Amino acid sequence: MIVKAEPIPSKGGGQKKREVYAEVAYYYPQYTLEEVQNLPARDISLLLQTARRLKAMENFNLVQIVASPHTKKGQGVKKLSDHYKKEAQK
């Protein structure tokens, strides 16, 4: 007896498969839509989670850079400089 899993019903408003493939291809230009389509779902999910997390960190760092000169007596600039110095030494 072979048991097949039923697909999980969509809750609406989710991305279509082609949009997900396109997003992966956007973040990782070495992949074409056809190549992404042939990847396992867990790999696609991991690639997207990683890209989104890195993009969020990049945006967070940009906000910190913009805001740091406006801190009390410019302490944010020193704090941010120290942070990036530590990151560069890793």
PDB file of N, CA and C in Angstrom:
ATOM      1  N   MET A   1       0.843  -1.178   0.000  1.00  0.00           N
ATOM      2  CA  MET A   1       0.000   0.000   0.000  1.00  0.00           C
ATOM      3  C   MET A   1       0.888   1.241   0.000  1.00  0.00           C
ATOM      4  N   ILE A   2       0.639   2.141  -0.918  1.00  0.00           N
ATOM      5  CA  ILE A   2       1.407   3.380  -1.037  1.00  0.00           C
ATOM      6  C   ILE A   2       0.561   4.520  -0.511  1.00  0.00           C
ATOM      7  N   VAL A   3       1.147   5.286   0.408  1.00  0.00           N
ATOM      8  CA  VAL A   3       0.450   6.426   0.991  1.00  0.00           C
ATOM      9  C   VAL A   3       1.072   7.690   0.416  1.00  0.00           C
ATOM     10  N   LYS A   4       0.248   8.571  -0.117  1.00  0.00           N
ATOM     11  CA  LYS A   4       0.719   9.834  -0.660  1.00  0.00           C
ATOM     12  C   LYS A   4       0.228  10.972   0.222  1.00  0.00           C
ATOM     13  N   ALA A   5       1.101  11.923   0.453  1.00  0.00           N
ATOM     14  CA  ALA A   5       0.733  13.084   1.265  1.00  0.00           C
ATOM     15  C   ALA A   5      -0.078  14.055   0.411  1.00  0.00           C
ATOM     16  N   GLU A   6      -1.085  14.633   1.016  1.00  0.00           N
ATOM     17  CA  GLU A   6      -1.876  15.643   0.319  1.00  0.00           C
ATOM     18  C   GLU A   6      -1.147  16.972   0.394  1.00  0.00           C
ATOM     19  N   PRO A   7      -1.292  17.783  -0.642  1.00  0.00           N
ATOM     20  CA  PRO A   7      -0.652  19.102  -0.576  1.00  0.00           C
ATOM     21  C   PRO A   7      -1.293  19.960   0.503  1.00  0.00           C
ATOM     22  N   ILE A   8      -0.481  20.798   1.102  1.00  0.00           N
ATOM     23  CA  ILE A   8      -0.985  21.704   2.134  1.00  0.00           C
ATOM     24  C   ILE A   8      -1.763  22.811   1.445  1.00  0.00           C
ATOM     25  N   PRO A   9      -2.997  23.040   1.863  1.00  0.00           N
ATOM     26  CA  PRO A   9      -3.780  24.083   1.198  1.00  0.00           C
ATOM     27  C   PRO A   9      -3.191  25.464   1.450  1.00  0.00           C
ATOM     28  N   SER A  10      -3.218  26.290   0.434  1.00  0.00           N
ATOM     29  CA  SER A  10      -2.696  27.650   0.519  1.00  0.00           C
ATOM     30  C   SER A  10      -3.650  28.505   1.330  1.00  0.00           C
ATOM     31  N   LYS A  11      -3.103  29.405   2.122  1.00  0.00           N
ATOM     32  CA  LYS A  11      -3.932  30.307   2.920  1.00  0.00           C
ATOM     33  C   LYS A  11      -4.217  31.588   2.161  1.00  0.00           C
ATOM     34  N   GLY A  12      -3.908  31.601   0.887  1.00  0.00           N
ATOM     35  CA  GLY A  12      -4.171  32.793   0.075  1.00  0.00           C
ATOM     36  C   GLY A  12      -3.137  33.858   0.322  1.00  0.00           C
ATOM     37  N   GLY A  13      -2.891  34.657  -0.678  1.00  0.00           N
ATOM     38  CA  GLY A  13      -1.947  35.751  -0.530  1.00  0.00           C
ATOM     39  C   GLY A  13      -0.498  35.325  -0.558  1.00  0.00           C
ATOM     40  N   GLY A  14      -0.251  34.027  -0.668  1.00  0.00           N
ATOM     41  CA  GLY A  14       1.129  33.556  -0.707  1.00  0.00           C
ATOM     42  C   GLY A  14       1.730  33.754  -2.080  1.00  0.00           C
ATOM     43  N   GLN A  15       3.036  33.609  -2.153  1.00  0.00           N
ATOM     44  CA  GLN A  15       3.712  33.756  -3.429  1.00  0.00           C
ATOM     45  C   GLN A  15       3.462  32.534  -4.302  1.00  0.00           C
ATOM     46  N   LYS A  16       3.361  32.765  -5.582  1.00  0.00           N
ATOM     47  CA  LYS A  16       3.259  31.674  -6.526  1.00  0.00           C
ATOM     48  C   LYS A  16       4.648  31.085  -6.718  1.00  0.00           C
ATOM     49  N   LYS A  17       4.700  29.839  -7.163  1.00  0.00           N
ATOM     50  CA  LYS A  17       5.987  29.162  -7.318  1.00  0.00           C
ATOM     51  C   LYS A  17       6.938  29.943  -8.214  1.00  0.00           C
ATOM     52  N   ARG A  18       6.459  30.442  -9.327  1.00  0.00           N
ATOM     53  CA  ARG A  18       7.327  31.171 -10.250  1.00  0.00           C
ATOM     54  C   ARG A  18       7.883  32.440  -9.602  1.00  0.00           C
ATOM     55  N   GLU A  19       7.089  33.084  -8.751  1.00  0.00           N
ATOM     56  CA  GLU A  19       7.577  34.270  -8.054  1.00  0.00           C
ATOM     57  C   GLU A  19       8.684  33.904  -7.071  1.00  0.00           C
ATOM     58  N   VAL A  20       8.535  32.759  -6.419  1.00  0.00           N
ATOM     59  CA  VAL A  20       9.572  32.284  -5.493  1.00  0.00           C
ATOM     60  C   VAL A  20      10.842  31.987  -6.273  1.00  0.00           C
ATOM     61  N   TYR A  21      10.702  31.303  -7.408  1.00  0.00           N
ATOM     62  CA  TYR A  21      11.867  31.002  -8.240  1.00  0.00           C
ATOM     63  C   TYR A  21      12.545  32.292  -8.703  1.00  0.00           C
ATOM     64  N   ALA A  22      11.742  33.274  -9.080  1.00  0.00           N
ATOM     65  CA  ALA A  22      12.286  34.547  -9.536  1.00  0.00           C
ATOM     66  C   ALA A  22      13.026  35.261  -8.412  1.00  0.00           C
ATOM     67  N   GLU A  23      12.500  35.171  -7.201  1.00  0.00           N
ATOM     68  CA  GLU A  23      13.168  35.807  -6.066  1.00  0.00           C
ATOM     69  C   GLU A  23      14.523  35.156  -5.801  1.00  0.00           C
ATOM     70  N   VAL A  24      14.585  33.834  -5.879  1.00  0.00           N
ATOM     71  CA  VAL A  24      15.863  33.137  -5.703  1.00  0.00           C
ATOM     72  C   VAL A  24      16.834  33.568  -6.799  1.00  0.00           C
ATOM     73  N   ALA A  25      16.352  33.628  -8.034  1.00  0.00           N
ATOM     74  CA  ALA A  25      17.208  34.034  -9.155  1.00  0.00           C
ATOM     75  C   ALA A  25      17.675  35.484  -8.983  1.00  0.00           C
ATOM     76  N   TYR A  26      16.850  36.323  -8.371  1.00  0.00           N
ATOM     77  CA  TYR A  26      17.241  37.720  -8.118  1.00  0.00           C
ATOM     78  C   TYR A  26      18.395  37.787  -7.115  1.00  0.00           C
ATOM     79  N   TYR A  27      18.245  37.065  -6.007  1.00  0.00           N
ATOM     80  CA  TYR A  27      19.278  37.094  -4.971  1.00  0.00           C
ATOM     81  C   TYR A  27      20.532  36.327  -5.392  1.00  0.00           C
ATOM     82  N   TYR A  28      20.358  35.291  -6.188  1.00  0.00           N
ATOM     83  CA  TYR A  28      21.463  34.435  -6.622  1.00  0.00           C
ATOM     84  C   TYR A  28      21.477  34.389  -8.151  1.00  0.00           C
ATOM     85  N   PRO A  29      22.090  35.381  -8.799  1.00  0.00           N
ATOM     86  CA  PRO A  29      22.032  35.488 -10.258  1.00  0.00           C
ATOM     87  C   PRO A  29      22.670  34.321 -11.011  1.00  0.00           C
ATOM     88  N   GLN A  30      23.447  33.494 -10.332  1.00  0.00           N
ATOM     89  CA  GLN A  30      24.043  32.355 -11.017  1.00  0.00           C
ATOM     90  C   GLN A  30      23.004  31.284 -11.357  1.00  0.00           C
ATOM     91  N   TYR A  31      21.818  31.372 -10.747  1.00  0.00           N
ATOM     92  CA  TYR A  31      20.743  30.417 -11.019  1.00  0.00           C
ATOM     93  C   TYR A  31      19.749  30.998 -12.020  1.00  0.00           C
ATOM     94  N   THR A  32      19.322  30.180 -12.963  1.00  0.00           N
ATOM     95  CA  THR A  32      18.230  30.560 -13.855  1.00  0.00           C
ATOM     96  C   THR A  32      16.927  30.054 -13.242  1.00  0.00           C
ATOM     97  N   LEU A  33      15.809  30.520 -13.763  1.00  0.00           N
ATOM     98  CA  LEU A  33      14.515  30.046 -13.256  1.00  0.00           C
ATOM     99  C   LEU A  33      14.400  28.532 -13.388  1.00  0.00           C
ATOM    100  N   GLU A  34      14.880  28.003 -14.499  1.00  0.00           N
ATOM    101  CA  GLU A  34      14.792  26.556 -14.725  1.00  0.00           C
ATOM    102  C   GLU A  34      15.642  25.784 -13.714  1.00  0.00           C
ATOM    103  N   GLU A  35      16.818  26.309 -13.392  1.00  0.00           N
ATOM    104  CA  GLU A  35      17.677  25.641 -12.414  1.00  0.00           C
ATOM    105  C   GLU A  35      17.054  25.680 -11.024  1.00  0.00           C
ATOM    106  N   VAL A  36      16.491  26.819 -10.668  1.00  0.00           N
ATOM    107  CA  VAL A  36      15.842  26.945  -9.358  1.00  0.00           C
ATOM    108  C   VAL A  36      14.656  25.995  -9.273  1.00  0.00           C
ATOM    109  N   GLN A  37      13.924  25.866 -10.355  1.00  0.00           N
ATOM    110  CA  GLN A  37      12.750  24.996 -10.382  1.00  0.00           C
ATOM    111  C   GLN A  37      13.123  23.546 -10.083  1.00  0.00           C
ATOM    112  N   ASN A  38      14.341  23.152 -10.423  1.00  0.00           N
ATOM    113  CA  ASN A  38      14.778  21.776 -10.207  1.00  0.00           C
ATOM    114  C   ASN A  38      15.402  21.547  -8.830  1.00  0.00           C
ATOM    115  N   LEU A  39      15.565  22.606  -8.057  1.00  0.00           N
ATOM    116  CA  LEU A  39      16.119  22.463  -6.702  1.00  0.00           C
ATOM    117  C   LEU A  39      15.060  21.921  -5.750  1.00  0.00           C
ATOM    118  N   PRO A  40      15.489  21.184  -4.712  1.00  0.00           N
ATOM    119  CA  PRO A  40      14.530  20.741  -3.694  1.00  0.00           C
ATOM    120  C   PRO A  40      13.948  21.943  -2.941  1.00  0.00           C
ATOM    121  N   ALA A  41      12.733  21.809  -2.487  1.00  0.00           N
ATOM    122  CA  ALA A  41      12.042  22.899  -1.786  1.00  0.00           C
ATOM    123  C   ALA A  41      12.819  23.358  -0.560  1.00  0.00           C
ATOM    124  N   ARG A  42      13.447  22.438   0.152  1.00  0.00           N
ATOM    125  CA  ARG A  42      14.193  22.827   1.364  1.00  0.00           C
ATOM    126  C   ARG A  42      15.394  23.695   1.012  1.00  0.00           C
ATOM    127  N   ASP A  43      16.034  23.439  -0.154  1.00  0.00           N
ATOM    128  CA  ASP A  43      17.158  24.268  -0.576  1.00  0.00           C
ATOM    129  C   ASP A  43      16.687  25.659  -0.982  1.00  0.00           C
ATOM    130  N   ILE A  44      15.569  25.727  -1.681  1.00  0.00           N
ATOM    131  CA  ILE A  44      15.002  27.019  -2.073  1.00  0.00           C
ATOM    132  C   ILE A  44      14.657  27.827  -0.833  1.00  0.00           C
ATOM    133  N   SER A  45      14.042  27.171   0.131  1.00  0.00           N
ATOM    134  CA  SER A  45      13.666  27.842   1.378  1.00  0.00           C
ATOM    135  C   SER A  45      14.905  28.360   2.113  1.00  0.00           C
ATOM    136  N   LEU A  46      15.942  27.545   2.186  1.00  0.00           N
ATOM    137  CA  LEU A  46      17.181  27.947   2.862  1.00  0.00           C
ATOM    138  C   LEU A  46      17.836  29.120   2.145  1.00  0.00           C
ATOM    139  N   LEU A  47      17.889  29.075   0.813  1.00  0.00           N
ATOM    140  CA  LEU A  47      18.473  30.177   0.052  1.00  0.00           C
ATOM    141  C   LEU A  47      17.720  31.479   0.306  1.00  0.00           C
ATOM    142  N   LEU A  48      16.390  31.414   0.296  1.00  0.00           N
ATOM    143  CA  LEU A  48      15.595  32.620   0.516  1.00  0.00           C
ATOM    144  C   LEU A  48      15.727  33.143   1.935  1.00  0.00           C
ATOM    145  N   GLN A  49      15.700  32.254   2.922  1.00  0.00           N
ATOM    146  CA  GLN A  49      15.847  32.694   4.312  1.00  0.00           C
ATOM    147  C   GLN A  49      17.189  33.379   4.517  1.00  0.00           C
ATOM    148  N   THR A  50      18.235  32.790   3.964  1.00  0.00           N
ATOM    149  CA  THR A  50      19.581  33.355   4.112  1.00  0.00           C
ATOM    150  C   THR A  50      19.676  34.717   3.428  1.00  0.00           C
ATOM    151  N   ALA A  51      19.179  34.807   2.197  1.00  0.00           N
ATOM    152  CA  ALA A  51      19.237  36.073   1.455  1.00  0.00           C
ATOM    153  C   ALA A  51      18.435  37.156   2.167  1.00  0.00           C
ATOM    154  N   ARG A  52      17.252  36.810   2.651  1.00  0.00           N
ATOM    155  CA  ARG A  52      16.415  37.800   3.338  1.00  0.00           C
ATOM    156  C   ARG A  52      17.060  38.261   4.638  1.00  0.00           C
ATOM    157  N   ARG A  53      17.673  37.320   5.371  1.00  0.00           N
ATOM    158  CA  ARG A  53      18.330  37.683   6.632  1.00  0.00           C
ATOM    159  C   ARG A  53      19.525  38.604   6.374  1.00  0.00           C
ATOM    160  N   LEU A  54      20.328  38.276   5.360  1.00  0.00           N
ATOM    161  CA  LEU A  54      21.486  39.102   5.032  1.00  0.00           C
ATOM    162  C   LEU A  54      21.059  40.486   4.555  1.00  0.00           C
ATOM    163  N   LYS A  55      20.002  40.552   3.761  1.00  0.00           N
ATOM    164  CA  LYS A  55      19.496  41.843   3.283  1.00  0.00           C
ATOM    165  C   LYS A  55      18.971  42.672   4.456  1.00  0.00           C
ATOM    166  N   ALA A  56      18.294  42.024   5.396  1.00  0.00           N
ATOM    167  CA  ALA A  56      17.786  42.728   6.578  1.00  0.00           C
ATOM    168  C   ALA A  56      18.940  43.270   7.421  1.00  0.00           C
ATOM    169  N   MET A  57      20.004  42.480   7.578  1.00  0.00           N
ATOM    170  CA  MET A  57      21.166  42.943   8.335  1.00  0.00           C
ATOM    171  C   MET A  57      21.837  44.118   7.628  1.00  0.00           C
ATOM    172  N   GLU A  58      21.915  44.053   6.315  1.00  0.00           N
ATOM    173  CA  GLU A  58      22.500  45.149   5.546  1.00  0.00           C
ATOM    174  C   GLU A  58      21.692  46.431   5.741  1.00  0.00           C
ATOM    175  N   ASN A  59      20.379  46.316   5.666  1.00  0.00           N
ATOM    176  CA  ASN A  59      19.519  47.490   5.861  1.00  0.00           C
ATOM    177  C   ASN A  59      19.620  48.013   7.298  1.00  0.00           C
ATOM    178  N   PHE A  60      19.688  47.114   8.271  1.00  0.00           N
ATOM    179  CA  PHE A  60      19.838  47.517   9.659  1.00  0.00           C
ATOM    180  C   PHE A  60      21.140  48.288   9.851  1.00  0.00           C
ATOM    181  N   ASN A  61      22.218  47.779   9.245  1.00  0.00           N
ATOM    182  CA  ASN A  61      23.508  48.461   9.353  1.00  0.00           C
ATOM    183  C   ASN A  61      23.464  49.839   8.707  1.00  0.00           C
ATOM    184  N   LEU A  62      22.780  49.964   7.591  1.00  0.00           N
ATOM    185  CA  LEU A  62      22.660  51.268   6.944  1.00  0.00           C
ATOM    186  C   LEU A  62      21.904  52.261   7.828  1.00  0.00           C
ATOM    187  N   VAL A  63      20.856  51.795   8.481  1.00  0.00           N
ATOM    188  CA  VAL A  63      20.110  52.665   9.392  1.00  0.00           C
ATOM    189  C   VAL A  63      21.004  53.104  10.553  1.00  0.00           C
ATOM    190  N   GLN A  64      21.796  52.181  11.073  1.00  0.00           N
ATOM    191  CA  GLN A  64      22.707  52.520  12.164  1.00  0.00           C
ATOM    192  C   GLN A  64      23.743  53.543  11.718  1.00  0.00           C
ATOM    193  N   ILE A  65      24.238  53.390  10.498  1.00  0.00           N
ATOM    194  CA  ILE A  65      25.227  54.330   9.970  1.00  0.00           C
ATOM    195  C   ILE A  65      24.628  55.726   9.844  1.00  0.00           C
ATOM    196  N   VAL A  66      23.419  55.795   9.332  1.00  0.00           N
ATOM    197  CA  VAL A  66      22.766  57.091   9.151  1.00  0.00           C
ATOM    198  C   VAL A  66      22.446  57.736  10.500  1.00  0.00           C
ATOM    199  N   ALA A  67      22.018  56.944  11.463  1.00  0.00           N
ATOM    200  CA  ALA A  67      21.589  57.488  12.749  1.00  0.00           C
ATOM    201  C   ALA A  67      22.755  57.796  13.690  1.00  0.00           C
ATOM    202  N   SER A  68      23.888  57.157  13.520  1.00  0.00           N
ATOM    203  CA  SER A  68      24.977  57.287  14.498  1.00  0.00           C
ATOM    204  C   SER A  68      25.488  58.716  14.701  1.00  0.00           C
ATOM    205  N   PRO A  69      25.609  59.553  13.680  1.00  0.00           N
ATOM    206  CA  PRO A  69      26.095  60.909  13.947  1.00  0.00           C
ATOM    207  C   PRO A  69      25.121  61.755  14.771  1.00  0.00           C
ATOM    208  N   HIS A  70      23.889  61.339  14.841  1.00  0.00           N
ATOM    209  CA  HIS A  70      22.866  62.108  15.547  1.00  0.00           C
ATOM    210  C   HIS A  70      22.691  61.674  17.004  1.00  0.00           C
ATOM    211  N   THR A  71      23.552  60.795  17.470  1.00  0.00           N
ATOM    212  CA  THR A  71      23.467  60.361  18.860  1.00  0.00           C
ATOM    213  C   THR A  71      24.130  61.401  19.756  1.00  0.00           C
ATOM    214  N   LYS A  72      23.902  61.255  21.047  1.00  0.00           N
ATOM    215  CA  LYS A  72      24.442  62.204  22.013  1.00  0.00           C
ATOM    216  C   LYS A  72      25.968  62.243  21.913  1.00  0.00           C
ATOM    217  N   LYS A  73      26.507  63.418  21.603  1.00  0.00           N
ATOM    218  CA  LYS A  73      27.945  63.650  21.477  1.00  0.00           C
ATOM    219  C   LYS A  73      28.612  62.695  20.484  1.00  0.00           C
ATOM    220  N   GLY A  74      27.849  62.177  19.527  1.00  0.00           N
ATOM    221  CA  GLY A  74      28.415  61.305  18.493  1.00  0.00           C
ATOM    222  C   GLY A  74      28.895  59.965  18.996  1.00  0.00           C
ATOM    223  N   GLN A  75      28.406  59.525  20.163  1.00  0.00           N
ATOM    224  CA  GLN A  75      28.836  58.246  20.722  1.00  0.00           C
ATOM    225  C   GLN A  75      28.496  57.079  19.808  1.00  0.00           C
ATOM    226  N   GLY A  76      27.435  57.237  19.021  1.00  0.00           N
ATOM    227  CA  GLY A  76      27.028  56.170  18.110  1.00  0.00           C
ATOM    228  C   GLY A  76      28.075  55.886  17.054  1.00  0.00           C
ATOM    229  N   VAL A  77      28.805  56.911  16.630  1.00  0.00           N
ATOM    230  CA  VAL A  77      29.847  56.735  15.620  1.00  0.00           C
ATOM    231  C   VAL A  77      30.961  55.859  16.176  1.00  0.00           C
ATOM    232  N   LYS A  78      31.402  56.159  17.395  1.00  0.00           N
ATOM    233  CA  LYS A  78      32.468  55.348  18.011  1.00  0.00           C
ATOM    234  C   LYS A  78      31.999  53.918  18.224  1.00  0.00           C
ATOM    235  N   LYS A  79      30.784  53.767  18.717  1.00  0.00           N
ATOM    236  CA  LYS A  79      30.243  52.432  18.969  1.00  0.00           C
ATOM    237  C   LYS A  79      30.161  51.629  17.666  1.00  0.00           C
ATOM    238  N   LEU A  80      29.696  52.270  16.620  1.00  0.00           N
ATOM    239  CA  LEU A  80      29.570  51.609  15.326  1.00  0.00           C
ATOM    240  C   LEU A  80      30.944  51.277  14.746  1.00  0.00           C
ATOM    241  N   SER A  81      31.901  52.188  14.901  1.00  0.00           N
ATOM    242  CA  SER A  81      33.265  51.930  14.433  1.00  0.00           C
ATOM    243  C   SER A  81      33.871  50.734  15.147  1.00  0.00           C
ATOM    244  N   ASP A  82      33.670  50.655  16.446  1.00  0.00           N
ATOM    245  CA  ASP A  82      34.173  49.518  17.220  1.00  0.00           C
ATOM    246  C   ASP A  82      33.523  48.213  16.756  1.00  0.00           C
ATOM    247  N   HIS A  83      32.239  48.265  16.501  1.00  0.00           N
ATOM    248  CA  HIS A  83      31.520  47.072  16.037  1.00  0.00           C
ATOM    249  C   HIS A  83      32.101  46.559  14.720  1.00  0.00           C
ATOM    250  N   TYR A  84      32.295  47.462  13.760  1.00  0.00           N
ATOM    251  CA  TYR A  84      32.821  47.044  12.459  1.00  0.00           C
ATOM    252  C   TYR A  84      34.282  46.619  12.539  1.00  0.00           C
ATOM    253  N   LYS A  85      35.037  47.212  13.450  1.00  0.00           N
ATOM    254  CA  LYS A  85      36.414  46.790  13.647  1.00  0.00           C
ATOM    255  C   LYS A  85      36.458  45.342  14.145  1.00  0.00           C
ATOM    256  N   LYS A  86      35.575  45.000  15.091  1.00  0.00           N
ATOM    257  CA  LYS A  86      35.489  43.628  15.593  1.00  0.00           C
ATOM    258  C   LYS A  86      35.070  42.665  14.488  1.00  0.00           C
ATOM    259  N   GLU A  87      34.097  43.087  13.679  1.00  0.00           N
ATOM    260  CA  GLU A  87      33.618  42.243  12.583  1.00  0.00           C
ATOM    261  C   GLU A  87      34.738  41.987  11.582  1.00  0.00           C
ATOM    262  N   ALA A  88      35.548  42.995  11.312  1.00  0.00           N
ATOM    263  CA  ALA A  88      36.622  42.860  10.333  1.00  0.00           C
ATOM    264  C   ALA A  88      37.728  41.912  10.832  1.00  0.00           C
ATOM    265  N   GLN A  89      37.868  41.792  12.149  1.00  0.00           N
ATOM    266  CA  GLN A  89      38.911  40.943  12.716  1.00  0.00           C
ATOM    267  C   GLN A  89      38.485  39.489  12.852  1.00  0.00           C
ATOM    268  N   LYS A  90      37.235  39.187  12.584  1.00  0.00           N
ATOM    269  CA  LYS A  90      36.762  37.801  12.706  1.00  0.00           C
ATOM    270  C   LYS A  90      37.341  36.934  11.620  1.00  0.00           C
TER     271      LYS A  90
END
